[in-house]
Amino acid sequence: MDKKIPNALLYIFIILMSVALASAYPVDFRIHANHPEFHTYVYRCSDFDCNSLSYMTYDHGGYINQYSVYGNGFTTIAEYDFKECYVPHSYKRWMDNSVGNGPWTYSLNFQKMENCMAAIDSMSLSASEVDVGVPVTVTTAARGPFALTQVGPQVIPPALEQHYSGDIDIVMEVRDASQNLIHTETQSYSVLMSNLQQAQFTWTPASEGTYHIYIKTRVPDCACSSYIDQEQFRILDVHGPDQQPVASITAEPAQGYTPLTAALTCTATGGDAPLSYTLLFGDSQSITGTSPISASHIYDPAGTYTAQCVVTDQDGDSHTASQEIIVLEPQVYECSDGIDNDGDGYIDYPQDPGCESLTDDNETDTQSQDPQFVMDDVTTDNSTACAGDLTIQLHDVQDLSGTGIEQARFYMCVGGG
């Protein structure tokens, strides 16, 4: 085998490598910072806007940082510079390292930010009106105090997020109508750049009244020399303890003959206003209103009707009261005919003691009485025979107790004591 062939291949490889190296130049960066112990991280960008990164170099720290970029053609890099308790920097840098250029030297000034703020993006309450003892949830979102610049990379590598995050406090305050502080609660977060931070609070009112619910943000980050509080508020109305409505119904009269005209009322006590009222007459007819109801209604035909008063308050709590109405057929009974049928001086139910109801057809008293007798308009009780010269015997004397004609014997004594 000819040994010249491998040697030729070696020469070709050396020539190609020489061409490749001749077209790639290192680009050197030197950074001078006004603070020691700052840190620089450099990433190669996978796209022009640096939305995707690939790690390229390690951390450089100190007053002077220097790093070199190797590659062919146009290259975009993302540079991250930060120092604890100072506002961090981020840059995009473009270079064409197909030609020799560099080194480049530039300076960074690490400063503290004035008037830092965490803008409140949103705030909402779970309800604007609640009853005493019902929890209220407050939901809010606030933005971090730092922002990515348009000229810098639009992403922060996960390994560096803690250095590009700002500390914020989200505070909830509850104040009464006189602005007296009732309750306060604070939640603290570290928020990456200007990202949104969600927060949620829960408060349970113990007494009724009107309250102002505030959300405030502060930025106690050491990279800020000063900060401005942000705040929003919402109004919460708290009502007294939930009171159930109690319905009441009346009917006058509640019993009578057909056609029966009855006056009905539907009222209520308690409940959380406004209340709604519904009066059901028991015969598929009804009346509805927003105030107590008084109505006259005719019941026909005879039967038993159940009238109802239904009351509902604004919370949906409801209560029903019922009244039975008895309608009778137009039949004449002794105890409701307007006649003193038993002659005792009392007429109909309930005056006559012999009547148990309007439909009682026997007005006669059932209570037993001692017999009393009438003779020549003179009443005498159980006369006893006496001795005398003349005796008159009477029969068939009327008994006023109503038990019928009785046989009785009376003696009249004349002379002789």
Protein backbone atom coordinates (compact mmCIF):
# COMPACT_ATOMS: atom_id res chain seq x y z
CA MET A 1 0.00 0.00 0.00
CA ASP A 2 1.33 3.44 -0.93
CA LYS A 3 2.22 5.41 2.26
CA LYS A 4 1.97 8.72 0.39
CA ILE A 5 -1.83 8.68 0.53
CA PRO A 6 -2.12 9.08 4.35
CA ASN A 7 0.45 11.85 4.25
CA ALA A 8 -1.59 13.68 1.62
CA LEU A 9 -4.70 13.43 3.75
CA LEU A 10 -2.80 14.86 6.70
CA TYR A 11 -1.69 17.84 4.63
CA ILE A 12 -5.28 18.49 3.51
CA PHE A 13 -6.52 18.40 7.14
CA ILE A 14 -3.84 20.87 8.25
CA ILE A 15 -4.77 23.25 5.43
CA LEU A 16 -8.50 23.12 6.31
CA MET A 17 -7.83 23.80 9.99
CA SER A 18 -5.64 26.74 9.10
CA VAL A 19 -8.41 28.25 6.99
CA ALA A 20 -10.94 27.72 9.77
CA LEU A 21 -8.76 29.32 12.41
CA ALA A 22 -7.96 32.21 10.13
CA SER A 23 -11.69 33.07 9.88
CA ALA A 24 -12.44 32.97 13.65
CA TYR A 25 -11.09 35.67 15.94
CA PRO A 26 -11.46 36.05 19.70
CA VAL A 27 -13.38 39.13 20.82
CA ASP A 28 -12.19 40.25 24.23
CA PHE A 29 -14.30 42.29 26.69
CA ARG A 30 -12.91 44.09 29.67
CA ILE A 31 -15.33 45.52 32.26
CA HIS A 32 -14.34 48.07 34.85
CA ALA A 33 -16.90 48.46 37.68
CA ASN A 34 -17.06 51.05 40.43
CA HIS A 35 -17.69 48.40 43.10
CA PRO A 36 -15.74 45.32 44.05
CA GLU A 37 -17.32 41.89 44.32
CA PHE A 38 -19.60 42.36 41.37
CA HIS A 39 -20.43 39.39 39.16
CA THR A 40 -20.66 38.93 35.41
CA TYR A 41 -22.28 36.04 33.56
CA VAL A 42 -22.21 35.74 29.78
CA TYR A 43 -24.52 33.57 27.67
CA ARG A 44 -24.56 32.99 23.95
CA CYS A 45 -27.98 33.82 22.48
CA SER A 46 -29.72 31.32 20.24
CA ASP A 47 -31.72 34.10 18.56
CA PHE A 48 -31.39 37.80 17.92
CA ASP A 49 -33.63 38.87 20.86
CA CYS A 50 -31.89 36.55 23.31
CA ASN A 51 -35.08 34.71 24.20
CA SER A 52 -33.13 31.47 24.33
CA LEU A 53 -29.68 31.15 25.89
CA SER A 54 -26.83 28.69 26.03
CA TYR A 55 -24.30 28.97 28.83
CA MET A 56 -20.90 30.10 27.63
CA THR A 57 -18.68 31.35 30.43
CA TYR A 58 -18.36 31.24 34.17
CA ASP A 59 -18.73 33.98 36.72
CA HIS A 60 -16.04 36.65 36.69
CA GLY A 61 -15.72 38.77 39.80
CA GLY A 62 -13.66 41.77 40.82
CA TYR A 63 -12.89 45.22 39.56
CA ILE A 64 -11.78 44.06 36.10
CA ASN A 65 -13.65 41.33 34.25
CA GLN A 66 -12.39 39.98 30.95
CA TYR A 67 -13.87 37.33 28.74
CA SER A 68 -13.40 36.23 25.13
CA VAL A 69 -15.96 35.17 22.56
CA TYR A 70 -15.00 32.71 19.84
CA GLY A 71 -17.10 31.82 16.85
CA ASN A 72 -17.70 32.32 13.18
CA GLY A 73 -19.79 35.14 11.81
CA PHE A 74 -22.30 37.37 13.59
CA THR A 75 -22.85 36.51 17.27
CA THR A 76 -25.28 37.87 19.91
CA ILE A 77 -24.47 37.45 23.56
CA ALA A 78 -26.40 38.21 26.77
CA GLU A 79 -24.44 39.72 29.60
CA TYR A 80 -25.64 39.86 33.23
CA ASP A 81 -23.84 42.06 35.77
CA PHE A 82 -24.94 42.37 39.38
CA LYS A 83 -23.80 43.16 42.87
CA GLU A 84 -25.74 42.47 46.03
CA CYS A 85 -27.96 45.39 47.18
CA TYR A 86 -27.51 47.33 43.94
CA VAL A 87 -29.65 47.55 40.84
CA PRO A 88 -28.56 44.74 38.47
CA HIS A 89 -27.58 45.25 34.81
CA SER A 90 -28.30 43.20 31.72
CA TYR A 91 -27.15 43.80 28.14
CA LYS A 92 -27.33 42.35 24.66
CA ARG A 93 -24.12 42.66 22.67
CA TRP A 94 -23.66 42.00 18.97
CA MET A 95 -20.35 41.26 17.25
CA ASP A 96 -18.96 39.90 14.05
CA ASN A 97 -16.05 37.70 14.98
CA SER A 98 -15.40 36.64 11.43
CA VAL A 99 -12.98 39.55 11.48
CA GLY A 100 -10.65 40.53 14.22
CA ASN A 101 -12.07 43.17 16.55
CA GLY A 102 -11.67 43.96 20.20
CA PRO A 103 -10.69 44.12 22.88
CA TRP A 104 -13.57 46.34 24.04
CA THR A 105 -13.46 48.07 27.39
CA TYR A 106 -16.40 49.74 29.15
CA SER A 107 -17.45 50.75 32.64
CA LEU A 108 -20.45 49.82 34.81
CA ASN A 109 -21.82 52.00 37.58
CA PHE A 110 -23.78 50.06 40.20
CA GLN A 111 -26.32 52.30 41.87
CA LYS A 112 -29.27 52.11 44.22
CA MET A 113 -32.72 52.91 42.87
CA GLU A 114 -34.74 55.83 44.19
CA ASN A 115 -38.52 55.77 44.64
CA CYS A 116 -38.89 52.04 44.17
CA MET A 117 -42.49 50.91 43.88
CA ALA A 118 -44.46 47.71 43.40
CA ALA A 119 -47.44 48.63 41.24
CA ILE A 120 -50.78 47.04 42.21
CA ASP A 121 -52.12 45.37 39.09
CA SER A 122 -55.50 44.21 40.47
CA MET A 123 -57.61 43.95 43.63
CA SER A 124 -60.99 42.31 44.25
CA LEU A 125 -63.26 41.16 47.10
CA SER A 126 -65.17 37.89 47.13
CA ALA A 127 -68.31 39.93 48.01
CA SER A 128 -69.15 43.58 48.56
CA GLU A 129 -71.81 42.75 51.20
CA VAL A 130 -71.70 39.99 53.81
CA ASP A 131 -73.24 39.12 57.16
CA VAL A 132 -71.33 39.20 60.42
CA GLY A 133 -69.22 36.06 60.75
CA VAL A 134 -68.97 35.39 56.99
CA PRO A 135 -65.31 35.34 55.74
CA VAL A 136 -64.26 37.75 52.98
CA THR A 137 -61.44 36.87 50.57
CA VAL A 138 -59.25 39.66 49.18
CA THR A 139 -57.32 38.80 46.00
CA THR A 140 -54.61 41.05 44.56
CA ALA A 141 -51.57 41.08 42.27
CA ALA A 142 -48.53 43.38 42.39
CA ARG A 143 -45.51 43.78 40.11
CA GLY A 144 -41.87 43.51 41.05
CA PRO A 145 -39.90 46.77 41.42
CA PHE A 146 -37.30 46.19 38.68
CA ALA A 147 -37.79 46.04 34.93
CA LEU A 148 -36.02 44.53 31.96
CA THR A 149 -34.88 47.13 29.44
CA GLN A 150 -35.78 46.87 25.77
CA VAL A 151 -32.12 46.77 24.77
CA GLY A 152 -31.31 43.97 27.18
CA PRO A 153 -32.08 40.24 27.01
CA GLN A 154 -35.73 39.45 27.65
CA VAL A 155 -35.07 36.39 29.80
CA ILE A 156 -33.24 35.82 33.07
CA PRO A 157 -31.45 32.48 33.45
CA PRO A 158 -32.97 30.47 36.33
CA ALA A 159 -29.61 30.33 38.08
CA LEU A 160 -29.55 34.14 38.29
CA GLU A 161 -33.20 34.85 39.18
CA GLN A 162 -32.49 35.52 42.84
CA HIS A 163 -30.10 38.35 41.86
CA TYR A 164 -32.71 39.97 39.61
CA SER A 165 -35.58 39.76 42.08
CA GLY A 166 -36.84 42.53 44.34
CA ASP A 167 -38.28 42.16 47.83
CA ILE A 168 -41.83 43.48 48.22
CA ASP A 169 -44.40 43.50 51.02
CA ILE A 170 -48.10 43.23 50.20
CA VAL A 171 -50.18 44.53 53.10
CA MET A 172 -53.91 44.27 53.75
CA GLU A 173 -55.50 46.80 56.10
CA VAL A 174 -59.10 46.87 57.32
CA ARG A 175 -60.40 50.21 58.57
CA ASP A 176 -63.84 51.18 59.85
CA ALA A 177 -65.95 54.11 58.64
CA SER A 178 -63.87 56.47 60.84
CA GLN A 179 -60.62 55.07 59.37
CA ASN A 180 -59.66 53.35 62.62
CA LEU A 181 -57.39 50.38 61.93
CA ILE A 182 -59.28 47.15 62.68
CA HIS A 183 -57.00 44.50 61.20
CA THR A 184 -53.71 44.27 59.28
CA GLU A 185 -51.74 41.45 57.68
CA THR A 186 -48.52 41.36 55.63
CA GLN A 187 -47.20 38.87 53.08
CA SER A 188 -43.59 39.18 51.84
CA TYR A 189 -42.29 38.01 48.46
CA SER A 190 -39.20 38.12 46.26
CA VAL A 191 -40.43 38.97 42.75
CA LEU A 192 -38.39 38.47 39.59
CA MET A 193 -38.00 41.79 37.78
CA SER A 194 -41.47 43.19 36.98
CA ASN A 195 -43.30 39.87 37.10
CA LEU A 196 -46.75 39.68 38.71
CA GLN A 197 -47.05 38.33 42.24
CA GLN A 198 -50.45 37.00 43.31
CA ALA A 199 -51.57 37.32 46.94
CA GLN A 200 -54.72 36.38 48.83
CA PHE A 201 -56.00 37.40 52.27
CA THR A 202 -59.03 36.30 54.31
CA TRP A 203 -60.78 38.38 56.97
CA THR A 204 -63.91 37.58 59.00
CA PRO A 205 -65.90 40.62 60.25
CA ALA A 206 -67.07 40.43 63.85
CA SER A 207 -69.52 43.35 63.82
CA GLU A 208 -71.73 45.11 61.33
CA GLY A 209 -70.80 48.36 59.64
CA THR A 210 -69.04 49.80 56.58
CA TYR A 211 -65.36 48.95 56.17
CA HIS A 212 -62.56 50.05 53.84
CA ILE A 213 -60.31 47.18 52.73
CA TYR A 214 -56.87 48.46 51.64
CA ILE A 215 -54.11 46.72 49.71
CA LYS A 216 -50.75 48.46 50.06
CA THR A 217 -47.32 47.56 48.66
CA ARG A 218 -43.86 48.48 49.93
CA VAL A 219 -40.39 47.71 48.54
CA PRO A 220 -37.95 47.09 51.43
CA ASP A 221 -35.29 45.80 49.01
CA CYS A 222 -31.71 46.82 49.86
CA ALA A 223 -31.16 47.86 46.24
CA CYS A 224 -33.59 50.76 46.81
CA SER A 225 -32.55 53.98 48.49
CA SER A 226 -36.22 54.99 48.87
CA TYR A 227 -39.63 53.65 47.94
CA ILE A 228 -43.17 54.90 47.38
CA ASP A 229 -46.12 53.01 48.83
CA GLN A 230 -48.87 52.03 46.45
CA GLU A 231 -52.45 51.41 47.59
CA GLN A 232 -55.95 50.57 46.45
CA PHE A 233 -59.12 50.04 48.48
CA ARG A 234 -62.59 48.55 48.21
CA ILE A 235 -65.69 49.14 50.39
CA LEU A 236 -67.31 46.27 52.29
CA ASP A 237 -70.76 46.47 53.90
CA VAL A 238 -71.30 44.08 56.81
CA HIS A 239 -74.83 43.35 58.02
CA GLY A 240 -75.97 42.04 61.38
CA PRO A 241 -76.39 38.33 62.07
CA ASP A 242 -78.68 36.56 59.66
CA GLN A 243 -82.27 36.67 60.99
CA GLN A 244 -84.80 34.21 59.70
CA PRO A 245 -88.19 35.64 58.70
CA VAL A 246 -91.25 34.43 60.63
CA ALA A 247 -94.53 34.51 58.69
CA SER A 248 -97.98 34.99 60.23
CA ILE A 249 -101.47 34.54 58.72
CA THR A 250 -105.00 35.28 59.97
CA ALA A 251 -108.45 34.62 58.52
CA GLU A 252 -111.71 36.11 59.81
CA PRO A 253 -113.94 34.21 59.93
CA ALA A 254 -112.11 30.93 59.59
CA GLN A 255 -115.38 28.94 59.46
CA GLY A 256 -118.78 29.58 57.93
CA TYR A 257 -121.28 28.67 55.27
CA THR A 258 -120.74 28.84 51.55
CA PRO A 259 -120.21 31.26 49.97
CA LEU A 260 -117.87 32.37 52.76
CA THR A 261 -116.18 35.77 52.54
CA ALA A 262 -113.03 35.80 54.69
CA ALA A 263 -110.60 38.63 55.39
CA LEU A 264 -107.00 37.35 55.35
CA THR A 265 -103.70 38.96 56.36
CA CYS A 266 -100.12 37.88 55.53
CA THR A 267 -97.41 39.53 57.67
CA ALA A 268 -93.92 38.73 58.97
CA THR A 269 -91.32 39.61 61.57
CA GLY A 270 -87.51 39.33 61.34
CA GLY A 271 -85.62 38.50 58.16
CA ASP A 272 -83.18 40.63 56.19
CA ALA A 273 -85.05 43.30 54.23
CA PRO A 274 -86.39 43.59 51.66
CA LEU A 275 -88.99 40.86 52.12
CA SER A 276 -91.36 39.38 49.56
CA TYR A 277 -94.84 38.16 50.52
CA THR A 278 -97.07 35.58 48.86
CA LEU A 279 -100.61 34.86 50.10
CA LEU A 280 -102.03 31.59 48.77
CA PHE A 281 -105.77 31.26 49.37
CA GLY A 282 -105.76 27.48 49.10
CA ASP A 283 -107.90 27.34 45.95
CA SER A 284 -105.12 27.92 43.34
CA GLN A 285 -105.43 31.70 43.66
CA SER A 286 -102.71 33.88 45.23
CA ILE A 287 -101.37 37.42 45.69
CA THR A 288 -97.69 38.47 45.75
CA GLY A 289 -96.20 41.73 47.01
CA THR A 290 -93.24 43.43 48.65
CA SER A 291 -95.21 44.52 51.72
CA PRO A 292 -97.64 42.80 54.12
CA ILE A 293 -100.85 41.70 52.39
CA SER A 294 -104.47 42.19 53.50
CA ALA A 295 -107.12 40.77 51.18
CA SER A 296 -110.74 39.62 51.13
CA HIS A 297 -111.52 36.32 49.46
CA ILE A 298 -114.73 34.35 48.72
CA TYR A 299 -114.63 30.61 49.35
CA ASP A 300 -117.06 28.48 47.36
CA PRO A 301 -117.91 25.58 47.21
CA ALA A 302 -117.97 24.04 50.65
CA GLY A 303 -114.84 22.28 51.84
CA THR A 304 -111.70 22.69 53.90
CA TYR A 305 -109.13 25.13 52.51
CA THR A 306 -105.54 25.70 53.67
CA ALA A 307 -104.44 29.30 53.17
CA GLN A 308 -100.69 30.01 53.36
CA CYS A 309 -98.48 33.06 53.91
CA VAL A 310 -94.99 32.59 52.40
CA VAL A 311 -92.31 35.17 53.27
CA THR A 312 -88.78 35.27 51.73
CA ASP A 313 -85.98 37.70 52.64
CA GLN A 314 -83.09 38.98 50.51
CA ASP A 315 -80.82 36.12 51.62
CA GLY A 316 -83.30 33.57 50.30
CA ASP A 317 -84.43 32.50 53.77
CA SER A 318 -88.13 31.59 53.73
CA HIS A 319 -90.90 30.76 56.18
CA THR A 320 -94.51 29.62 55.67
CA ALA A 321 -97.52 30.00 57.98
CA SER A 322 -100.82 28.17 57.36
CA GLN A 323 -104.47 28.75 58.31
CA GLU A 324 -107.28 26.23 57.84
CA ILE A 325 -110.61 27.63 56.61
CA ILE A 326 -113.75 25.48 56.91
CA VAL A 327 -116.64 26.24 54.55
CA LEU A 328 -119.97 24.48 55.33
CA GLU A 329 -122.93 23.61 53.19
CA PRO A 330 -125.94 25.97 53.74
CA GLN A 331 -127.85 23.56 56.07
CA VAL A 332 -130.05 24.75 58.94
CA TYR A 333 -129.33 23.26 62.35
CA GLU A 334 -131.05 23.93 65.65
CA CYS A 335 -127.84 25.36 67.02
CA SER A 336 -127.51 27.86 64.17
CA ASP A 337 -131.10 28.69 63.13
CA GLY A 338 -131.56 31.77 65.32
CA ILE A 339 -134.42 30.13 67.32
CA ASP A 340 -134.61 29.21 71.00
CA ASN A 341 -135.66 25.65 70.24
CA ASP A 342 -135.54 24.36 73.83
CA GLY A 343 -137.05 27.45 75.47
CA ASP A 344 -134.20 27.93 77.92
CA GLY A 345 -133.70 31.57 76.99
CA TYR A 346 -130.48 30.90 75.05
CA ILE A 347 -130.17 30.85 71.27
CA ASP A 348 -127.73 28.85 69.15
CA TYR A 349 -124.04 28.00 69.55
CA PRO A 350 -122.09 29.04 71.53
CA GLN A 351 -124.59 30.79 73.86
CA ASP A 352 -126.91 27.82 74.35
CA PRO A 353 -125.25 25.27 76.69
CA GLY A 354 -127.03 22.50 74.83
CA CYS A 355 -125.12 23.27 71.59
CA GLU A 356 -121.71 21.76 70.97
CA SER A 357 -121.14 23.33 67.50
CA LEU A 358 -122.91 25.21 64.72
CA THR A 359 -123.85 21.89 63.15
CA ASP A 360 -125.43 20.50 66.33
CA ASP A 361 -129.07 19.79 65.50
CA ASN A 362 -130.24 19.35 69.11
CA GLU A 363 -130.39 22.49 71.23
CA THR A 364 -131.78 20.70 74.30
CA ASP A 365 -129.56 20.75 77.35
CA THR A 366 -128.21 17.35 78.29
CA GLN A 367 -127.36 18.32 81.88
CA SER A 368 -129.74 16.72 84.46
CA GLN A 369 -131.86 19.01 86.66
CA ASP A 370 -134.17 18.52 89.63
CA PRO A 371 -137.81 18.49 88.52
CA GLN A 372 -139.72 21.69 89.03
CA PHE A 373 -143.46 21.91 88.62
CA VAL A 374 -145.89 24.68 87.82
CA MET A 375 -149.39 24.94 89.20
CA ASP A 376 -151.34 28.15 88.82
CA ASP A 377 -148.10 30.03 88.17
CA VAL A 378 -146.72 28.83 91.50
CA THR A 379 -143.59 26.72 91.57
CA THR A 380 -142.98 24.28 94.39
CA ASP A 381 -140.23 21.71 94.88
CA ASN A 382 -141.03 18.14 95.94
CA SER A 383 -143.99 18.97 98.22
CA THR A 384 -144.58 16.71 101.16
CA ALA A 385 -148.09 15.48 102.09
CA CYS A 386 -149.60 17.03 105.19
CA ALA A 387 -152.59 16.26 107.41
CA GLY A 388 -155.65 18.39 107.04
CA ASP A 389 -159.36 18.53 106.48
CA LEU A 390 -159.21 18.88 102.67
CA THR A 391 -156.88 17.15 100.20
CA ILE A 392 -156.69 18.01 96.47
CA GLN A 393 -154.78 15.62 94.22
CA LEU A 394 -153.36 16.95 90.88
CA HIS A 395 -151.99 14.94 87.99
CA ASP A 396 -150.12 15.61 84.74
CA VAL A 397 -148.13 18.63 85.84
CA GLN A 398 -145.56 20.01 83.34
CA ASP A 399 -141.90 19.51 84.21
CA LEU A 400 -139.85 22.64 83.31
CA SER A 401 -136.60 20.69 83.17
CA GLY A 402 -137.57 19.47 79.71
CA THR A 403 -137.75 15.79 80.57
CA GLY A 404 -141.41 15.54 79.62
CA ILE A 405 -144.78 15.29 81.38
CA GLU A 406 -144.52 13.80 84.82
CA GLN A 407 -147.10 12.27 87.09
CA ALA A 408 -146.97 14.16 90.36
CA ARG A 409 -149.16 14.27 93.43
CA PHE A 410 -149.67 17.43 95.41
CA TYR A 411 -151.50 17.92 98.64
CA MET A 412 -153.11 21.11 99.74
CA CYS A 413 -153.73 21.33 103.42
CA VAL A 414 -156.70 23.41 104.55
CA GLY A 415 -157.03 24.07 108.22
CA GLY A 416 -155.80 21.80 110.87
CA GLY A 417 -152.21 23.03 110.46
